[in-house]
Amino acid sequence: MSLEVHCPRCGKKVPWNETQRWRPFCSERCRLIDLGQWANEEHRVAGDDLPPAGDTPH
């Protein structure tokens, strides 16, 4: 039995193996949509906010 994951974009089941070119995504389309969401800052990695530019600690 092979491992299956769900595409993070559309939820379609994707086999997790070397033949799946776009894993964990089901297709290039889903991969590019996700990449665009990161580029538009619709997704973020949790963390502290950065200080405004020019405010350097002494």
C-alpha atoms as a PDB file:
ATOM      1  CA  MET A   1       0.000   0.000   0.000  1.00  0.00           C
ATOM      2  CA  SER A   2       1.437   3.382  -0.986  1.00  0.00           C
ATOM      3  CA  LEU A   3       1.122   6.586   0.955  1.00  0.00           C
ATOM      4  CA  GLU A   4      -1.402   9.132  -0.318  1.00  0.00           C
ATOM      5  CA  VAL A   5      -1.559  12.794   0.668  1.00  0.00           C
ATOM      6  CA  HIS A   6      -4.119  15.460  -0.113  1.00  0.00           C
ATOM      7  CA  CYS A   7      -3.168  18.309  -2.449  1.00  0.00           C
ATOM      8  CA  PRO A   8      -2.806  21.402  -0.212  1.00  0.00           C
ATOM      9  CA  ARG A   9      -4.657  23.499  -2.807  1.00  0.00           C
ATOM     10  CA  CYS A  10      -7.640  21.424  -3.989  1.00  0.00           C
ATOM     11  CA  GLY A  11      -7.669  18.415  -1.665  1.00  0.00           C
ATOM     12  CA  LYS A  12      -7.350  15.773  -4.399  1.00  0.00           C
ATOM     13  CA  LYS A  13      -5.581  12.578  -3.303  1.00  0.00           C
ATOM     14  CA  VAL A  14      -2.006  12.365  -4.582  1.00  0.00           C
ATOM     15  CA  PRO A  15       0.226   9.273  -4.336  1.00  0.00           C
ATOM     16  CA  TRP A  16       3.469  10.137  -2.523  1.00  0.00           C
ATOM     17  CA  ASN A  17       6.166   8.660  -4.765  1.00  0.00           C
ATOM     18  CA  GLU A  18       8.943   9.650  -7.175  1.00  0.00           C
ATOM     19  CA  THR A  19       6.659   9.591 -10.213  1.00  0.00           C
ATOM     20  CA  GLN A  20       4.476  12.439  -8.925  1.00  0.00           C
ATOM     21  CA  ARG A  21       6.265  15.442 -10.400  1.00  0.00           C
ATOM     22  CA  TRP A  22       4.331  18.152  -8.520  1.00  0.00           C
ATOM     23  CA  ARG A  23       4.005  16.507  -5.097  1.00  0.00           C
ATOM     24  CA  PRO A  24       2.576  17.393  -2.668  1.00  0.00           C
ATOM     25  CA  PHE A  25       0.391  19.140  -5.256  1.00  0.00           C
ATOM     26  CA  CYS A  26      -1.720  17.244  -7.779  1.00  0.00           C
ATOM     27  CA  SER A  27      -0.687  19.415 -10.724  1.00  0.00           C
ATOM     28  CA  GLU A  28       1.472  22.303 -11.866  1.00  0.00           C
ATOM     29  CA  ARG A  29      -1.630  24.504 -11.765  1.00  0.00           C
ATOM     30  CA  CYS A  30      -2.193  23.896  -8.050  1.00  0.00           C
ATOM     31  CA  ARG A  31       1.515  24.410  -7.373  1.00  0.00           C
ATOM     32  CA  LEU A  32       1.549  27.762  -9.205  1.00  0.00           C
ATOM     33  CA  ILE A  33      -1.628  28.975  -7.488  1.00  0.00           C
ATOM     34  CA  ASP A  34      -0.040  28.203  -4.114  1.00  0.00           C
ATOM     35  CA  LEU A  35       3.223  29.922  -5.101  1.00  0.00           C
ATOM     36  CA  GLY A  36       1.259  33.004  -6.169  1.00  0.00           C
ATOM     37  CA  GLN A  37      -0.507  33.101  -2.804  1.00  0.00           C
ATOM     38  CA  TRP A  38       2.862  33.102  -1.028  1.00  0.00           C
ATOM     39  CA  ALA A  39       4.154  35.838  -3.368  1.00  0.00           C
ATOM     40  CA  ASN A  40       1.046  37.960  -2.645  1.00  0.00           C
ATOM     41  CA  GLU A  41       1.612  37.397   1.093  1.00  0.00           C
ATOM     42  CA  GLU A  42      -1.701  35.574   1.459  1.00  0.00           C
ATOM     43  CA  HIS A  43       0.243  32.867   3.347  1.00  0.00           C
ATOM     44  CA  ARG A  44       2.706  33.674   6.104  1.00  0.00           C
ATOM     45  CA  VAL A  45       5.055  31.863   8.431  1.00  0.00           C
ATOM     46  CA  ALA A  46       4.237  32.694  12.051  1.00  0.00           C
ATOM     47  CA  GLY A  47       6.735  34.868  13.860  1.00  0.00           C
ATOM     48  CA  ASP A  48       7.371  38.261  15.409  1.00  0.00           C
ATOM     49  CA  ASP A  49       6.837  41.362  13.303  1.00  0.00           C
ATOM     50  CA  LEU A  50       9.972  43.050  12.025  1.00  0.00           C
ATOM     51  CA  PRO A  51      10.742  46.571  13.253  1.00  0.00           C
ATOM     52  CA  PRO A  52      10.078  49.364  10.722  1.00  0.00           C
ATOM     53  CA  ALA A  53      12.961  50.074   8.323  1.00  0.00           C
ATOM     54  CA  GLY A  54      15.497  52.432   9.866  1.00  0.00           C
ATOM     55  CA  ASP A  55      14.732  51.375  13.455  1.00  0.00           C
ATOM     56  CA  THR A  56      17.883  49.501  14.326  1.00  0.00           C
ATOM     57  CA  PRO A  57      18.530  48.424  17.905  1.00  0.00           C
ATOM     58  CA  HIS A  58      21.573  50.047  19.558  1.00  0.00           C
END
